[in-house]
Amino acid sequence: VAGVPGIGKTTMVQKIVYDWAMGKIYQQFQFVFSFKFRDLNSINCRK
């Protein structure tokens, strides 16, 4: 999903995760794991 700065990408992800946790969408998924690339930048070792 692409979008220009400020268009709502991160807030959209937050809403998707919230709606899944509330049982409203994507019930075919048992688990949803959400990460931000900016947080992954701090990892400088093998994982």
ModelCIF file with pLDDT and N, C-alpha, C, O atoms, coordinates in Angstrom:
data_MODEL
#
_entry.id   MODEL 
#
_entity.id                         1 
_entity.type                       polymer 
_entity.pdbx_number_of_molecules   1 
#
_entity_poly.entity_id                      1 
_entity_poly.type                           'polypeptide(L)' 
_entity_poly.nstd_linkage                   no 
_entity_poly.nstd_monomer                   no 
_entity_poly.pdbx_seq_one_letter_code       VAGVPGIGKTTMVQKIVYDWAMGKIYQQFQFVFSFKFRDLNSINCRK 
_entity_poly.pdbx_seq_one_letter_code_can   VAGVPGIGKTTMVQKIVYDWAMGKIYQQFQFVFSFKFRDLNSINCRK 
_entity_poly.pdbx_strand_id                 A 
#
loop_
_entity_poly_seq.entity_id 
_entity_poly_seq.num 
_entity_poly_seq.mon_id 
_entity_poly_seq.hetero 
1 1  VAL n 
1 2  ALA n 
1 3  GLY n 
1 4  VAL n 
1 5  PRO n 
1 6  GLY n 
1 7  ILE n 
1 8  GLY n 
1 9  LYS n 
1 10 THR n 
1 11 THR n 
1 12 MET n 
1 13 VAL n 
1 14 GLN n 
1 15 LYS n 
1 16 ILE n 
1 17 VAL n 
1 18 TYR n 
1 19 ASP n 
1 20 TRP n 
1 21 ALA n 
1 22 MET n 
1 23 GLY n 
1 24 LYS n 
1 25 ILE n 
1 26 TYR n 
1 27 GLN n 
1 28 GLN n 
1 29 PHE n 
1 30 GLN n 
1 31 PHE n 
1 32 VAL n 
1 33 PHE n 
1 34 SER n 
1 35 PHE n 
1 36 LYS n 
1 37 PHE n 
1 38 ARG n 
1 39 ASP n 
1 40 LEU n 
1 41 ASN n 
1 42 SER n 
1 43 ILE n 
1 44 ASN n 
1 45 CYS n 
1 46 ARG n 
1 47 LYS n 
#
_struct_asym.id          A 
_struct_asym.entity_id   1 
#
loop_
_ma_qa_metric.id 
_ma_qa_metric.mode 
_ma_qa_metric.name 
_ma_qa_metric.software_group_id 
_ma_qa_metric.type 
1 global pLDDT . pLDDT 
2 local  pLDDT . pLDDT 
#
_ma_qa_metric_global.metric_id      1 
_ma_qa_metric_global.metric_value   94.64 
_ma_qa_metric_global.model_id       1 
_ma_qa_metric_global.ordinal_id     1 
#
loop_
_ma_qa_metric_local.label_asym_id 
_ma_qa_metric_local.label_comp_id 
_ma_qa_metric_local.label_seq_id 
_ma_qa_metric_local.metric_id 
_ma_qa_metric_local.metric_value 
_ma_qa_metric_local.model_id 
_ma_qa_metric_local.ordinal_id 
A VAL 1  2 95.00 1 1  
A ALA 2  2 93.00 1 2  
A GLY 3  2 92.00 1 3  
A VAL 4  2 90.00 1 4  
A PRO 5  2 92.00 1 5  
A GLY 6  2 92.00 1 6  
A ILE 7  2 93.00 1 7  
A GLY 8  2 94.00 1 8  
A LYS 9  2 96.00 1 9  
A THR 10 2 96.00 1 10 
A THR 11 2 96.00 1 11 
A MET 12 2 96.00 1 12 
A VAL 13 2 97.00 1 13 
A GLN 14 2 97.00 1 14 
A LYS 15 2 96.00 1 15 
A ILE 16 2 97.00 1 16 
A VAL 17 2 98.00 1 17 
A TYR 18 2 97.00 1 18 
A ASP 19 2 96.00 1 19 
A TRP 20 2 97.00 1 20 
A ALA 21 2 97.00 1 21 
A MET 22 2 96.00 1 22 
A GLY 23 2 94.00 1 23 
A LYS 24 2 94.00 1 24 
A ILE 25 2 93.00 1 25 
A TYR 26 2 92.00 1 26 
A GLN 27 2 89.00 1 27 
A GLN 28 2 90.00 1 28 
A PHE 29 2 93.00 1 29 
A GLN 30 2 93.00 1 30 
A PHE 31 2 96.00 1 31 
A VAL 32 2 97.00 1 32 
A PHE 33 2 98.00 1 33 
A SER 34 2 98.00 1 34 
A PHE 35 2 97.00 1 35 
A LYS 36 2 97.00 1 36 
A PHE 37 2 96.00 1 37 
A ARG 38 2 95.00 1 38 
A ASP 39 2 96.00 1 39 
A LEU 40 2 96.00 1 40 
A ASN 41 2 95.00 1 41 
A SER 42 2 94.00 1 42 
A ILE 43 2 93.00 1 43 
A ASN 44 2 90.00 1 44 
A CYS 45 2 92.00 1 45 
A ARG 46 2 93.00 1 46 
A LYS 47 2 94.00 1 47 
#
loop_
_atom_site.group_PDB 
_atom_site.id 
_atom_site.type_symbol 
_atom_site.label_atom_id 
_atom_site.label_alt_id 
_atom_site.label_comp_id 
_atom_site.label_asym_id 
_atom_site.label_entity_id 
_atom_site.label_seq_id 
_atom_site.pdbx_PDB_ins_code 
_atom_site.Cartn_x 
_atom_site.Cartn_y 
_atom_site.Cartn_z 
_atom_site.occupancy 
_atom_site.B_iso_or_equiv 
_atom_site.pdbx_formal_charge 
_atom_site.auth_seq_id 
_atom_site.auth_comp_id 
_atom_site.auth_asym_id 
_atom_site.auth_atom_id 
_atom_site.pdbx_PDB_model_num 
ATOM 1   N N  . VAL A 1 1  ? 0.857   -1.188  0.000  1.00 95.00 ? 1  VAL A N  1 
ATOM 2   C CA . VAL A 1 1  ? 0.000   0.000   0.000  1.00 95.00 ? 1  VAL A CA 1 
ATOM 3   C C  . VAL A 1 1  ? 0.895   1.240   0.000  1.00 95.00 ? 1  VAL A C  1 
ATOM 4   O O  . VAL A 1 1  ? 1.679   1.453   0.924  1.00 95.00 ? 1  VAL A O  1 
ATOM 5   N N  . ALA A 1 2  ? 0.765   2.052   -1.050 1.00 93.00 ? 2  ALA A N  1 
ATOM 6   C CA . ALA A 1 2  ? 1.588   3.252   -1.182 1.00 93.00 ? 2  ALA A CA 1 
ATOM 7   C C  . ALA A 1 2  ? 0.762   4.493   -0.884 1.00 93.00 ? 2  ALA A C  1 
ATOM 8   O O  . ALA A 1 2  ? -0.463  4.484   -0.998 1.00 93.00 ? 2  ALA A O  1 
ATOM 9   N N  . GLY A 1 3  ? 1.444   5.546   -0.507 1.00 92.00 ? 3  GLY A N  1 
ATOM 10  C CA . GLY A 1 3  ? 0.758   6.807   -0.252 1.00 92.00 ? 3  GLY A CA 1 
ATOM 11  C C  . GLY A 1 3  ? 1.744   7.912   0.040  1.00 92.00 ? 3  GLY A C  1 
ATOM 12  O O  . GLY A 1 3  ? 2.795   7.672   0.634  1.00 92.00 ? 3  GLY A O  1 
ATOM 13  N N  . VAL A 1 4  ? 1.413   9.125   -0.373 1.00 90.00 ? 4  VAL A N  1 
ATOM 14  C CA . VAL A 1 4  ? 2.294   10.274  -0.165 1.00 90.00 ? 4  VAL A CA 1 
ATOM 15  C C  . VAL A 1 4  ? 2.377   10.581  1.326  1.00 90.00 ? 4  VAL A C  1 
ATOM 16  O O  . VAL A 1 4  ? 1.552   10.090  2.097  1.00 90.00 ? 4  VAL A O  1 
ATOM 17  N N  . PRO A 1 5  ? 3.362   11.389  1.754  1.00 92.00 ? 5  PRO A N  1 
ATOM 18  C CA . PRO A 1 5  ? 3.484   11.725  3.178  1.00 92.00 ? 5  PRO A CA 1 
ATOM 19  C C  . PRO A 1 5  ? 2.199   12.325  3.737  1.00 92.00 ? 5  PRO A C  1 
ATOM 20  O O  . PRO A 1 5  ? 1.563   13.166  3.102  1.00 92.00 ? 5  PRO A O  1 
ATOM 21  N N  . GLY A 1 6  ? 1.826   11.879  4.936  1.00 92.00 ? 6  GLY A N  1 
ATOM 22  C CA . GLY A 1 6  ? 0.671   12.440  5.633  1.00 92.00 ? 6  GLY A CA 1 
ATOM 23  C C  . GLY A 1 6  ? -0.670  11.919  5.182  1.00 92.00 ? 6  GLY A C  1 
ATOM 24  O O  . GLY A 1 6  ? -1.700  12.380  5.674  1.00 92.00 ? 6  GLY A O  1 
ATOM 25  N N  . ILE A 1 7  ? -0.692  10.967  4.256  1.00 93.00 ? 7  ILE A N  1 
ATOM 26  C CA . ILE A 1 7  ? -1.952  10.507  3.681  1.00 93.00 ? 7  ILE A CA 1 
ATOM 27  C C  . ILE A 1 7  ? -2.686  9.521   4.591  1.00 93.00 ? 7  ILE A C  1 
ATOM 28  O O  . ILE A 1 7  ? -3.855  9.217   4.354  1.00 93.00 ? 7  ILE A O  1 
ATOM 29  N N  . GLY A 1 8  ? -2.013  9.017   5.630  1.00 94.00 ? 8  GLY A N  1 
ATOM 30  C CA . GLY A 1 8  ? -2.703  8.172   6.598  1.00 94.00 ? 8  GLY A CA 1 
ATOM 31  C C  . GLY A 1 8  ? -2.303  6.710   6.598  1.00 94.00 ? 8  GLY A C  1 
ATOM 32  O O  . GLY A 1 8  ? -3.075  5.863   7.048  1.00 94.00 ? 8  GLY A O  1 
ATOM 33  N N  . LYS A 1 9  ? -1.098  6.387   6.099  1.00 96.00 ? 9  LYS A N  1 
ATOM 34  C CA . LYS A 1 9  ? -0.669  4.989   6.027  1.00 96.00 ? 9  LYS A CA 1 
ATOM 35  C C  . LYS A 1 9  ? -0.547  4.360   7.408  1.00 96.00 ? 9  LYS A C  1 
ATOM 36  O O  . LYS A 1 9  ? -1.066  3.270   7.650  1.00 96.00 ? 9  LYS A O  1 
ATOM 37  N N  . THR A 1 10 ? 0.140   5.052   8.314  1.00 96.00 ? 10 THR A N  1 
ATOM 38  C CA . THR A 1 10 ? 0.364   4.497   9.650  1.00 96.00 ? 10 THR A CA 1 
ATOM 39  C C  . THR A 1 10 ? -0.941  4.401   10.440 1.00 96.00 ? 10 THR A C  1 
ATOM 40  O O  . THR A 1 10 ? -1.171  3.419   11.146 1.00 96.00 ? 10 THR A O  1 
ATOM 41  N N  . THR A 1 11 ? -1.793  5.415   10.321 1.00 96.00 ? 11 THR A N  1 
ATOM 42  C CA . THR A 1 11 ? -3.078  5.371   11.020 1.00 96.00 ? 11 THR A CA 1 
ATOM 43  C C  . THR A 1 11 ? -3.963  4.270   10.447 1.00 96.00 ? 11 THR A C  1 
ATOM 44  O O  . THR A 1 11 ? -4.714  3.628   11.182 1.00 96.00 ? 11 THR A O  1 
ATOM 45  N N  . MET A 1 12 ? -3.876  4.049   9.130  1.00 96.00 ? 12 MET A N  1 
ATOM 46  C CA . MET A 1 12 ? -4.624  2.960   8.511  1.00 96.00 ? 12 MET A CA 1 
ATOM 47  C C  . MET A 1 12 ? -4.170  1.610   9.070  1.00 96.00 ? 12 MET A C  1 
ATOM 48  O O  . MET A 1 12 ? -4.999  0.749   9.364  1.00 96.00 ? 12 MET A O  1 
ATOM 49  N N  . VAL A 1 13 ? -2.851  1.426   9.216  1.00 97.00 ? 13 VAL A N  1 
ATOM 50  C CA . VAL A 1 13 ? -2.318  0.184   9.800  1.00 97.00 ? 13 VAL A CA 1 
ATOM 51  C C  . VAL A 1 13 ? -2.828  0.018   11.222 1.00 97.00 ? 13 VAL A C  1 
ATOM 52  O O  . VAL A 1 13 ? -3.225  -1.079  11.617 1.00 97.00 ? 13 VAL A O  1 
ATOM 53  N N  . GLN A 1 14 ? -2.820  1.101   11.995 1.00 97.00 ? 14 GLN A N  1 
ATOM 54  C CA . GLN A 1 14 ? -3.329  1.044   13.364 1.00 97.00 ? 14 GLN A CA 1 
ATOM 55  C C  . GLN A 1 14 ? -4.783  0.602   13.389 1.00 97.00 ? 14 GLN A C  1 
ATOM 56  O O  . GLN A 1 14 ? -5.177  -0.196  14.239 1.00 97.00 ? 14 GLN A O  1 
ATOM 57  N N  . LYS A 1 15 ? -5.588  1.122   12.453 1.00 96.00 ? 15 LYS A N  1 
ATOM 58  C CA . LYS A 1 15 ? -7.010  0.759   12.391 1.00 96.00 ? 15 LYS A CA 1 
ATOM 59  C C  . LYS A 1 15 ? -7.184  -0.714  11.988 1.00 96.00 ? 15 LYS A C  1 
ATOM 60  O O  . LYS A 1 15 ? -8.064  -1.394  12.514 1.00 96.00 ? 15 LYS A O  1 
ATOM 61  N N  . ILE A 1 16 ? -6.362  -1.205  11.071 1.00 97.00 ? 16 ILE A N  1 
ATOM 62  C CA . ILE A 1 16 ? -6.430  -2.606  10.658 1.00 97.00 ? 16 ILE A CA 1 
ATOM 63  C C  . ILE A 1 16 ? -6.141  -3.516  11.854 1.00 97.00 ? 16 ILE A C  1 
ATOM 64  O O  . ILE A 1 16 ? -6.871  -4.475  12.104 1.00 97.00 ? 16 ILE A O  1 
ATOM 65  N N  . VAL A 1 17 ? -5.071  -3.207  12.589 1.00 98.00 ? 17 VAL A N  1 
ATOM 66  C CA . VAL A 1 17 ? -4.699  -4.026  13.746 1.00 98.00 ? 17 VAL A CA 1 
ATOM 67  C C  . VAL A 1 17 ? -5.789  -3.975  14.811 1.00 98.00 ? 17 VAL A C  1 
ATOM 68  O O  . VAL A 1 17 ? -6.145  -4.995  15.402 1.00 98.00 ? 17 VAL A O  1 
ATOM 69  N N  . TYR A 1 18 ? -6.314  -2.775  15.046 1.00 97.00 ? 18 TYR A N  1 
ATOM 70  C CA . TYR A 1 18 ? -7.378  -2.628  16.056 1.00 97.00 ? 18 TYR A CA 1 
ATOM 71  C C  . TYR A 1 18 ? -8.620  -3.420  15.657 1.00 97.00 ? 18 TYR A C  1 
ATOM 72  O O  . TYR A 1 18 ? -9.193  -4.134  16.480 1.00 97.00 ? 18 TYR A O  1 
ATOM 73  N N  . ASP A 1 19 ? -9.033  -3.298  14.405 1.00 96.00 ? 19 ASP A N  1 
ATOM 74  C CA . ASP A 1 19 ? -10.235 -4.008  13.946 1.00 96.00 ? 19 ASP A CA 1 
ATOM 75  C C  . ASP A 1 19 ? -10.042 -5.521  13.993 1.00 96.00 ? 19 ASP A C  1 
ATOM 76  O O  . ASP A 1 19 ? -10.983 -6.255  14.294 1.00 96.00 ? 19 ASP A O  1 
ATOM 77  N N  . TRP A 1 20 ? -8.816  -5.998  13.696 1.00 97.00 ? 20 TRP A N  1 
ATOM 78  C CA . TRP A 1 20 ? -8.569  -7.446  13.815 1.00 97.00 ? 20 TRP A CA 1 
ATOM 79  C C  . TRP A 1 20 ? -8.676  -7.882  15.271 1.00 97.00 ? 20 TRP A C  1 
ATOM 80  O O  . TRP A 1 20 ? -9.295  -8.900  15.579 1.00 97.00 ? 20 TRP A O  1 
ATOM 81  N N  . ALA A 1 21 ? -8.074  -7.110  16.155 1.00 97.00 ? 21 ALA A N  1 
ATOM 82  C CA . ALA A 1 21 ? -8.114  -7.451  17.583 1.00 97.00 ? 21 ALA A CA 1 
ATOM 83  C C  . ALA A 1 21 ? -9.537  -7.433  18.125 1.00 97.00 ? 21 ALA A C  1 
ATOM 84  O O  . ALA A 1 21 ? -9.850  -8.159  19.069 1.00 97.00 ? 21 ALA A O  1 
ATOM 85  N N  . MET A 1 22 ? -10.396 -6.613  17.539 1.00 96.00 ? 22 MET A N  1 
ATOM 86  C CA . MET A 1 22 ? -11.801 -6.548  17.948 1.00 96.00 ? 22 MET A CA 1 
ATOM 87  C C  . MET A 1 22 ? -12.657 -7.610  17.266 1.00 96.00 ? 22 MET A C  1 
ATOM 88  O O  . MET A 1 22 ? -13.851 -7.725  17.546 1.00 96.00 ? 22 MET A O  1 
ATOM 89  N N  . GLY A 1 23 ? -12.042 -8.391  16.364 1.00 94.00 ? 23 GLY A N  1 
ATOM 90  C CA . GLY A 1 23 ? -12.773 -9.459  15.676 1.00 94.00 ? 23 GLY A CA 1 
ATOM 91  C C  . GLY A 1 23 ? -13.644 -8.978  14.535 1.00 94.00 ? 23 GLY A C  1 
ATOM 92  O O  . GLY A 1 23 ? -14.569 -9.678  14.124 1.00 94.00 ? 23 GLY A O  1 
ATOM 93  N N  . LYS A 1 24 ? -13.355 -7.759  14.002 1.00 94.00 ? 24 LYS A N  1 
ATOM 94  C CA . LYS A 1 24 ? -14.201 -7.190  12.946 1.00 94.00 ? 24 LYS A CA 1 
ATOM 95  C C  . LYS A 1 24 ? -13.735 -7.580  11.545 1.00 94.00 ? 24 LYS A C  1 
ATOM 96  O O  . LYS A 1 24 ? -14.560 -7.718  10.642 1.00 94.00 ? 24 LYS A O  1 
ATOM 97  N N  . ILE A 1 25 ? -12.436 -7.759  11.348 1.00 93.00 ? 25 ILE A N  1 
ATOM 98  C CA . ILE A 1 25 ? -11.914 -8.066  10.013 1.00 93.00 ? 25 ILE A CA 1 
ATOM 99  C C  . ILE A 1 25 ? -10.864 -9.171  10.091 1.00 93.00 ? 25 ILE A C  1 
ATOM 100 O O  . ILE A 1 25 ? -10.341 -9.493  11.158 1.00 93.00 ? 25 ILE A O  1 
ATOM 101 N N  . TYR A 1 26 ? -10.578 -9.739  8.916  1.00 92.00 ? 26 TYR A N  1 
ATOM 102 C CA . TYR A 1 26 ? -9.510  -10.724 8.757  1.00 92.00 ? 26 TYR A CA 1 
ATOM 103 C C  . TYR A 1 26 ? -9.554  -11.846 9.789  1.00 92.00 ? 26 TYR A C  1 
ATOM 104 O O  . TYR A 1 26 ? -8.539  -12.199 10.388 1.00 92.00 ? 26 TYR A O  1 
ATOM 105 N N  . GLN A 1 27 ? -10.730 -12.390 9.980  1.00 89.00 ? 27 GLN A N  1 
ATOM 106 C CA . GLN A 1 27 ? -10.871 -13.465 10.961 1.00 89.00 ? 27 GLN A CA 1 
ATOM 107 C C  . GLN A 1 27 ? -10.181 -14.748 10.508 1.00 89.00 ? 27 GLN A C  1 
ATOM 108 O O  . GLN A 1 27 ? -10.021 -15.678 11.299 1.00 89.00 ? 27 GLN A O  1 
ATOM 109 N N  . GLN A 1 28 ? -9.766  -14.807 9.225  1.00 90.00 ? 28 GLN A N  1 
ATOM 110 C CA . GLN A 1 28 ? -9.028  -15.976 8.760  1.00 90.00 ? 28 GLN A CA 1 
ATOM 111 C C  . GLN A 1 28 ? -7.618  -16.029 9.331  1.00 90.00 ? 28 GLN A C  1 
ATOM 112 O O  . GLN A 1 28 ? -6.958  -17.067 9.280  1.00 90.00 ? 28 GLN A O  1 
ATOM 113 N N  . PHE A 1 29 ? -7.156  -14.889 9.884  1.00 93.00 ? 29 PHE A N  1 
ATOM 114 C CA . PHE A 1 29 ? -5.814  -14.858 10.476 1.00 93.00 ? 29 PHE A CA 1 
ATOM 115 C C  . PHE A 1 29 ? -5.898  -15.115 11.979 1.00 93.00 ? 29 PHE A C  1 
ATOM 116 O O  . PHE A 1 29 ? -6.644  -14.450 12.698 1.00 93.00 ? 29 PHE A O  1 
ATOM 117 N N  . GLN A 1 30 ? -5.114  -16.097 12.439 1.00 93.00 ? 30 GLN A N  1 
ATOM 118 C CA . GLN A 1 30 ? -5.047  -16.381 13.877 1.00 93.00 ? 30 GLN A CA 1 
ATOM 119 C C  . GLN A 1 30 ? -4.281  -15.301 14.612 1.00 93.00 ? 30 GLN A C  1 
ATOM 120 O O  . GLN A 1 30 ? -4.672  -14.876 15.699 1.00 93.00 ? 30 GLN A O  1 
ATOM 121 N N  . PHE A 1 31 ? -3.176  -14.856 14.003 1.00 96.00 ? 31 PHE A N  1 
ATOM 122 C CA . PHE A 1 31 ? -2.306  -13.877 14.650 1.00 96.00 ? 31 PHE A CA 1 
ATOM 123 C C  . PHE A 1 31 ? -1.869  -12.813 13.649 1.00 96.00 ? 31 PHE A C  1 
ATOM 124 O O  . PHE A 1 31 ? -1.576  -13.108 12.490 1.00 96.00 ? 31 PHE A O  1 
ATOM 125 N N  . VAL A 1 32 ? -1.834  -11.573 14.120 1.00 97.00 ? 32 VAL A N  1 
ATOM 126 C CA . VAL A 1 32 ? -1.332  -10.452 13.330 1.00 97.00 ? 32 VAL A CA 1 
ATOM 127 C C  . VAL A 1 32 ? -0.137  -9.857  14.068 1.00 97.00 ? 32 VAL A C  1 
ATOM 128 O O  . VAL A 1 32 ? -0.238  -9.509  15.244 1.00 97.00 ? 32 VAL A O  1 
ATOM 129 N N  . PHE A 1 33 ? 0.985   -9.743  13.382 1.00 98.00 ? 33 PHE A N  1 
ATOM 130 C CA . PHE A 1 33 ? 2.199   -9.171  13.966 1.00 98.00 ? 33 PHE A CA 1 
ATOM 131 C C  . PHE A 1 33 ? 2.562   -7.906  13.197 1.00 98.00 ? 33 PHE A C  1 
ATOM 132 O O  . PHE A 1 33 ? 2.785   -7.952  11.987 1.00 98.00 ? 33 PHE A O  1 
ATOM 133 N N  . SER A 1 34 ? 2.618   -6.788  13.894 1.00 98.00 ? 34 SER A N  1 
ATOM 134 C CA . SER A 1 34 ? 2.839   -5.498  13.239 1.00 98.00 ? 34 SER A CA 1 
ATOM 135 C C  . SER A 1 34 ? 4.170   -4.886  13.672 1.00 98.00 ? 34 SER A C  1 
ATOM 136 O O  . SER A 1 34 ? 4.484   -4.836  14.861 1.00 98.00 ? 34 SER A O  1 
ATOM 137 N N  . PHE A 1 35 ? 4.949   -4.420  12.690 1.00 97.00 ? 35 PHE A N  1 
ATOM 138 C CA . PHE A 1 35 ? 6.255   -3.814  12.954 1.00 97.00 ? 35 PHE A CA 1 
ATOM 139 C C  . PHE A 1 35 ? 6.379   -2.504  12.180 1.00 97.00 ? 35 PHE A C  1 
ATOM 140 O O  . PHE A 1 35 ? 5.765   -2.322  11.129 1.00 97.00 ? 35 PHE A O  1 
ATOM 141 N N  . LYS A 1 36 ? 7.194   -1.590  12.730 1.00 97.00 ? 36 LYS A N  1 
ATOM 142 C CA . LYS A 1 36 ? 7.528   -0.349  12.022 1.00 97.00 ? 36 LYS A CA 1 
ATOM 143 C C  . LYS A 1 36 ? 8.975   -0.459  11.535 1.00 97.00 ? 36 LYS A C  1 
ATOM 144 O O  . LYS A 1 36 ? 9.864   -0.854  12.290 1.00 97.00 ? 36 LYS A O  1 
ATOM 145 N N  . PHE A 1 37 ? 9.199   -0.107  10.270 1.00 96.00 ? 37 PHE A N  1 
ATOM 146 C CA . PHE A 1 37 ? 10.553  -0.179  9.730  1.00 96.00 ? 37 PHE A CA 1 
ATOM 147 C C  . PHE A 1 37 ? 11.518  0.700   10.511 1.00 96.00 ? 37 PHE A C  1 
ATOM 148 O O  . PHE A 1 37 ? 12.687  0.349   10.668 1.00 96.00 ? 37 PHE A O  1 
ATOM 149 N N  . ARG A 1 38 ? 11.040  1.840   11.001 1.00 95.00 ? 38 ARG A N  1 
ATOM 150 C CA . ARG A 1 38 ? 11.947  2.736   11.724 1.00 95.00 ? 38 ARG A CA 1 
ATOM 151 C C  . ARG A 1 38 ? 12.457  2.093   13.016 1.00 95.00 ? 38 ARG A C  1 
ATOM 152 O O  . ARG A 1 38 ? 13.569  2.381   13.458 1.00 95.00 ? 38 ARG A O  1 
ATOM 153 N N  . ASP A 1 39 ? 11.625  1.203   13.634 1.00 96.00 ? 39 ASP A N  1 
ATOM 154 C CA . ASP A 1 39 ? 12.071  0.480   14.825 1.00 96.00 ? 39 ASP A CA 1 
ATOM 155 C C  . ASP A 1 39 ? 13.067  -0.620  14.460 1.00 96.00 ? 39 ASP A C  1 
ATOM 156 O O  . ASP A 1 39 ? 13.974  -0.925  15.235 1.00 96.00 ? 39 ASP A O  1 
ATOM 157 N N  . LEU A 1 40 ? 12.894  -1.210  13.280 1.00 96.00 ? 40 LEU A N  1 
ATOM 158 C CA . LEU A 1 40 ? 13.802  -2.280  12.846 1.00 96.00 ? 40 LEU A CA 1 
ATOM 159 C C  . LEU A 1 40 ? 15.180  -1.737  12.500 1.00 96.00 ? 40 LEU A C  1 
ATOM 160 O O  . LEU A 1 40 ? 16.146  -2.498  12.449 1.00 96.00 ? 40 LEU A O  1 
ATOM 161 N N  . ASN A 1 41 ? 15.287  -0.420  12.258 1.00 95.00 ? 41 ASN A N  1 
ATOM 162 C CA . ASN A 1 41 ? 16.578  0.187   11.918 1.00 95.00 ? 41 ASN A CA 1 
ATOM 163 C C  . ASN A 1 41 ? 17.603  0.026   13.039 1.00 95.00 ? 41 ASN A C  1 
ATOM 164 O O  . ASN A 1 41 ? 18.807  -0.024  12.786 1.00 95.00 ? 41 ASN A O  1 
ATOM 165 N N  . SER A 1 42 ? 17.123  -0.054  14.266 1.00 94.00 ? 42 SER A N  1 
ATOM 166 C CA . SER A 1 42 ? 18.042  -0.123  15.418 1.00 94.00 ? 42 SER A CA 1 
ATOM 167 C C  . SER A 1 42 ? 18.658  -1.500  15.601 1.00 94.00 ? 42 SER A C  1 
ATOM 168 O O  . SER A 1 42 ? 19.551  -1.671  16.431 1.00 94.00 ? 42 SER A O  1 
ATOM 169 N N  . ILE A 1 43 ? 18.198  -2.480  14.845 1.00 93.00 ? 43 ILE A N  1 
ATOM 170 C CA . ILE A 1 43 ? 18.732  -3.846  14.976 1.00 93.00 ? 43 ILE A CA 1 
ATOM 171 C C  . ILE A 1 43 ? 19.927  -3.996  14.048 1.00 93.00 ? 43 ILE A C  1 
ATOM 172 O O  . ILE A 1 43 ? 19.777  -3.961  12.826 1.00 93.00 ? 43 ILE A O  1 
ATOM 173 N N  . ASN A 1 44 ? 21.101  -4.161  14.616 1.00 90.00 ? 44 ASN A N  1 
ATOM 174 C CA . ASN A 1 44 ? 22.333  -4.255  13.816 1.00 90.00 ? 44 ASN A CA 1 
ATOM 175 C C  . ASN A 1 44 ? 23.013  -5.600  13.959 1.00 90.00 ? 44 ASN A C  1 
ATOM 176 O O  . ASN A 1 44 ? 24.204  -5.732  13.674 1.00 90.00 ? 44 ASN A O  1 
ATOM 177 N N  . CYS A 1 45 ? 22.268  -6.594  14.396 1.00 92.00 ? 45 CYS A N  1 
ATOM 178 C CA . CYS A 1 45 ? 22.840  -7.936  14.545 1.00 92.00 ? 45 CYS A CA 1 
ATOM 179 C C  . CYS A 1 45 ? 21.889  -8.945  13.914 1.00 92.00 ? 45 CYS A C  1 
ATOM 180 O O  . CYS A 1 45 ? 20.754  -8.614  13.569 1.00 92.00 ? 45 CYS A O  1 
ATOM 181 N N  . ARG A 1 46 ? 22.361  -10.172 13.768 1.00 93.00 ? 46 ARG A N  1 
ATOM 182 C CA . ARG A 1 46 ? 21.525  -11.208 13.186 1.00 93.00 ? 46 ARG A CA 1 
ATOM 183 C C  . ARG A 1 46 ? 20.447  -11.631 14.181 1.00 93.00 ? 46 ARG A C  1 
ATOM 184 O O  . ARG A 1 46 ? 20.691  -11.731 15.384 1.00 93.00 ? 46 ARG A O  1 
ATOM 185 N N  . LYS A 1 47 ? 19.259  -11.876 13.655 1.00 94.00 ? 47 LYS A N  1 
ATOM 186 C CA . LYS A 1 47 ? 18.113  -12.269 14.484 1.00 94.00 ? 47 LYS A CA 1 
ATOM 187 C C  . LYS A 1 47 ? 17.402  -13.420 13.789 1.00 94.00 ? 47 LYS A C  1 
ATOM 188 O O  . LYS A 1 47 ? 16.401  -13.924 14.298 1.00 94.00 ? 47 LYS A O  1 
#
